[in-house]
Protein backbone atom coordinates (compact mmCIF):
# COMPACT_ATOMS: atom_id res chain seq x y z
CA UNK A 1 -77.92 163.46 -18.76
CA UNK A 2 -74.80 164.30 -20.75
CA UNK A 3 -73.16 167.63 -20.01
CA UNK A 4 -70.27 169.48 -21.62
CA UNK A 5 -68.62 172.19 -19.54
CA UNK A 6 -66.55 174.72 -21.49
CA UNK A 7 -64.69 176.71 -18.86
CA UNK A 8 -61.11 177.99 -19.17
CA UNK A 9 -60.59 178.02 -15.40
CA UNK A 10 -59.73 174.35 -14.78
CA UNK A 11 -60.45 174.49 -11.04
CA UNK A 12 -63.87 176.05 -11.54
CA UNK A 13 -64.75 173.65 -14.35
CA UNK A 14 -63.82 170.66 -12.18
CA UNK A 15 -65.84 172.05 -9.26
CA UNK A 16 -68.93 172.33 -11.47
CA UNK A 17 -68.23 168.86 -12.86
CA UNK A 18 -68.20 167.30 -9.40
CA UNK A 19 -71.52 168.94 -8.48
CA UNK A 20 -73.15 167.69 -11.67
CA UNK A 21 -71.77 164.19 -11.22
CA UNK A 22 -73.50 164.12 -7.83
CA UNK A 23 -76.74 164.43 -9.83
CA UNK A 24 -75.70 161.37 -11.89
CA UNK A 25 -74.73 163.42 -14.94
CA UNK A 26 -72.10 162.19 -17.38
CA UNK A 27 -69.87 165.27 -17.55
CA UNK A 28 -66.95 166.28 -19.74
CA UNK A 29 -64.93 169.44 -19.10
CA UNK A 30 -62.78 171.23 -21.67
CA UNK A 31 -60.94 174.53 -21.43
CA UNK A 32 -60.97 175.78 -25.03
CA UNK A 33 -63.45 176.45 -27.79
CA UNK A 34 -61.57 174.18 -30.20
CA UNK A 35 -61.81 171.19 -27.86
CA UNK A 36 -65.51 171.92 -27.35
CA UNK A 37 -66.12 171.99 -31.11
CA UNK A 38 -64.35 168.63 -31.49
CA UNK A 39 -66.51 167.04 -28.80
CA UNK A 40 -69.74 168.52 -30.15
CA UNK A 41 -68.89 166.98 -33.51
CA UNK A 42 -68.33 163.50 -32.09
CA UNK A 43 -70.58 163.18 -29.00
CA UNK A 44 -74.11 164.15 -28.06
CA UNK A 45 -74.89 166.44 -25.15
CA UNK A 46 -78.11 167.42 -23.45
CA UNK A 47 -76.67 170.59 -21.92
CA UNK A 48 -73.60 172.69 -22.59
CA UNK A 49 -72.37 174.93 -19.78
CA UNK A 50 -70.48 177.61 -21.64
CA UNK A 51 -68.38 180.43 -20.23
CA UNK A 52 -69.03 183.49 -22.34
CA UNK A 53 -65.37 184.59 -22.12
CA UNK A 54 -62.99 181.77 -23.01
CA UNK A 55 -59.22 182.15 -22.89
CA UNK A 56 -59.05 180.43 -26.30
CA UNK A 57 -61.86 180.43 -28.81
CA UNK A 58 -65.28 182.04 -29.07
CA UNK A 59 -68.22 181.01 -26.92
CA UNK A 60 -70.68 182.21 -29.55
CA UNK A 61 -68.97 180.05 -32.16
CA UNK A 62 -69.33 177.05 -29.85
CA UNK A 63 -73.02 177.83 -29.25
CA UNK A 64 -73.68 178.32 -32.98
CA UNK A 65 -71.93 175.07 -33.87
CA UNK A 66 -73.91 173.25 -31.17
CA UNK A 67 -77.15 174.68 -32.59
CA UNK A 68 -76.20 173.33 -36.01
CA UNK A 69 -74.88 169.90 -34.94
CA UNK A 70 -77.10 169.28 -31.90
CA UNK A 71 -80.21 171.46 -32.08
CA UNK A 72 -81.76 169.77 -29.02
CA UNK A 73 -78.80 170.60 -26.77
CA UNK A 74 -79.50 173.47 -24.37
CA UNK A 75 -76.83 176.04 -23.55
CA UNK A 76 -76.39 177.57 -20.12
CA UNK A 77 -74.12 180.60 -20.43
CA UNK A 78 -72.02 181.72 -17.48
CA UNK A 79 -70.01 184.92 -17.20
CA UNK A 80 -68.23 187.18 -14.80
CA UNK A 81 -68.70 190.24 -17.02
CA UNK A 82 -71.61 192.60 -17.61
CA UNK A 83 -71.51 191.88 -21.35
CA UNK A 84 -74.97 190.68 -22.49
CA UNK A 85 -76.38 191.53 -19.04
CA UNK A 86 -79.31 193.12 -20.87
CA UNK A 87 -80.48 189.64 -21.90
CA UNK A 88 -79.50 190.07 -25.54
CA UNK A 89 -77.64 186.73 -25.43
CA UNK A 90 -81.05 185.14 -26.04
CA UNK A 91 -81.31 187.02 -29.34
CA UNK A 92 -77.78 186.03 -30.38
CA UNK A 93 -77.96 182.36 -29.45
CA UNK A 94 -81.08 180.36 -30.29
CA UNK A 95 -80.13 177.53 -27.94
CA UNK A 96 -79.46 179.75 -24.89
CA UNK A 97 -81.66 178.70 -21.99
CA UNK A 98 -80.04 180.48 -19.05
CA UNK A 99 -77.52 183.21 -18.38
CA UNK A 100 -75.97 183.19 -14.91
CA UNK A 101 -73.01 184.71 -13.12
CA UNK A 102 -69.86 182.65 -12.77
CA UNK A 103 -70.12 183.23 -9.02
CA UNK A 104 -73.44 181.35 -8.88
CA UNK A 105 -73.09 178.68 -6.18
CA UNK A 106 -72.12 175.37 -7.84
CA UNK A 107 -75.11 173.62 -6.27
CA UNK A 108 -77.46 176.18 -7.86
CA UNK A 109 -75.73 175.95 -11.24
CA UNK A 110 -76.04 172.15 -11.08
CA UNK A 111 -79.78 172.49 -10.40
CA UNK A 112 -80.19 174.80 -13.41
CA UNK A 113 -78.26 172.43 -15.66
CA UNK A 114 -80.21 169.44 -14.35
CA UNK A 115 -83.46 171.26 -15.16
CA UNK A 116 -82.43 171.92 -18.75
CA UNK A 117 -80.98 168.43 -19.21
CA UNK A 118 -84.03 166.55 -18.04
CA UNK A 119 -86.21 164.96 -20.73
CA UNK A 120 -89.25 166.91 -21.82
CA UNK A 121 -92.32 164.71 -22.36
CA UNK A 122 -93.02 164.38 -26.07
CA UNK A 123 -89.63 165.72 -27.13
CA UNK A 124 -87.24 163.29 -28.73
CA UNK A 125 -84.04 165.12 -27.82
CA UNK A 126 -80.76 163.60 -26.68
CA UNK A 127 -81.96 163.25 -23.07
CA UNK A 128 -84.97 161.16 -24.05
CA UNK A 129 -83.29 158.78 -26.52
CA UNK A 130 -82.60 155.29 -25.36
CA UNK A 131 -79.28 153.68 -26.07
CA UNK A 132 -79.26 149.98 -26.98
């Protein structure tokens, strides 16, 4: 499972990364939208953990670009605000699969990401492709 974490708080991003690596995920962490866009253009991801409020860049731009470049990649949005708390993020982002609070325990977040990064039988997405 390949995971991209886009989280401006370096300490929090690294904490999440360590929890996902314990589940044998290949994880990259970036702090800005621009760096995320560059990686999405050059690498494939099964799941993108995306903070809704980035210090630099737009999370919705990252999600839209991911939908265009990697339509099989699932996005797990995290936030510490009440913005989109009505669930409307799922209308704004076609690849949104979950919307959780930033304060979600890292172990729980890792389980959510693992769920959305696991191969789905019959789906030929990034998680189910073999690499020769």
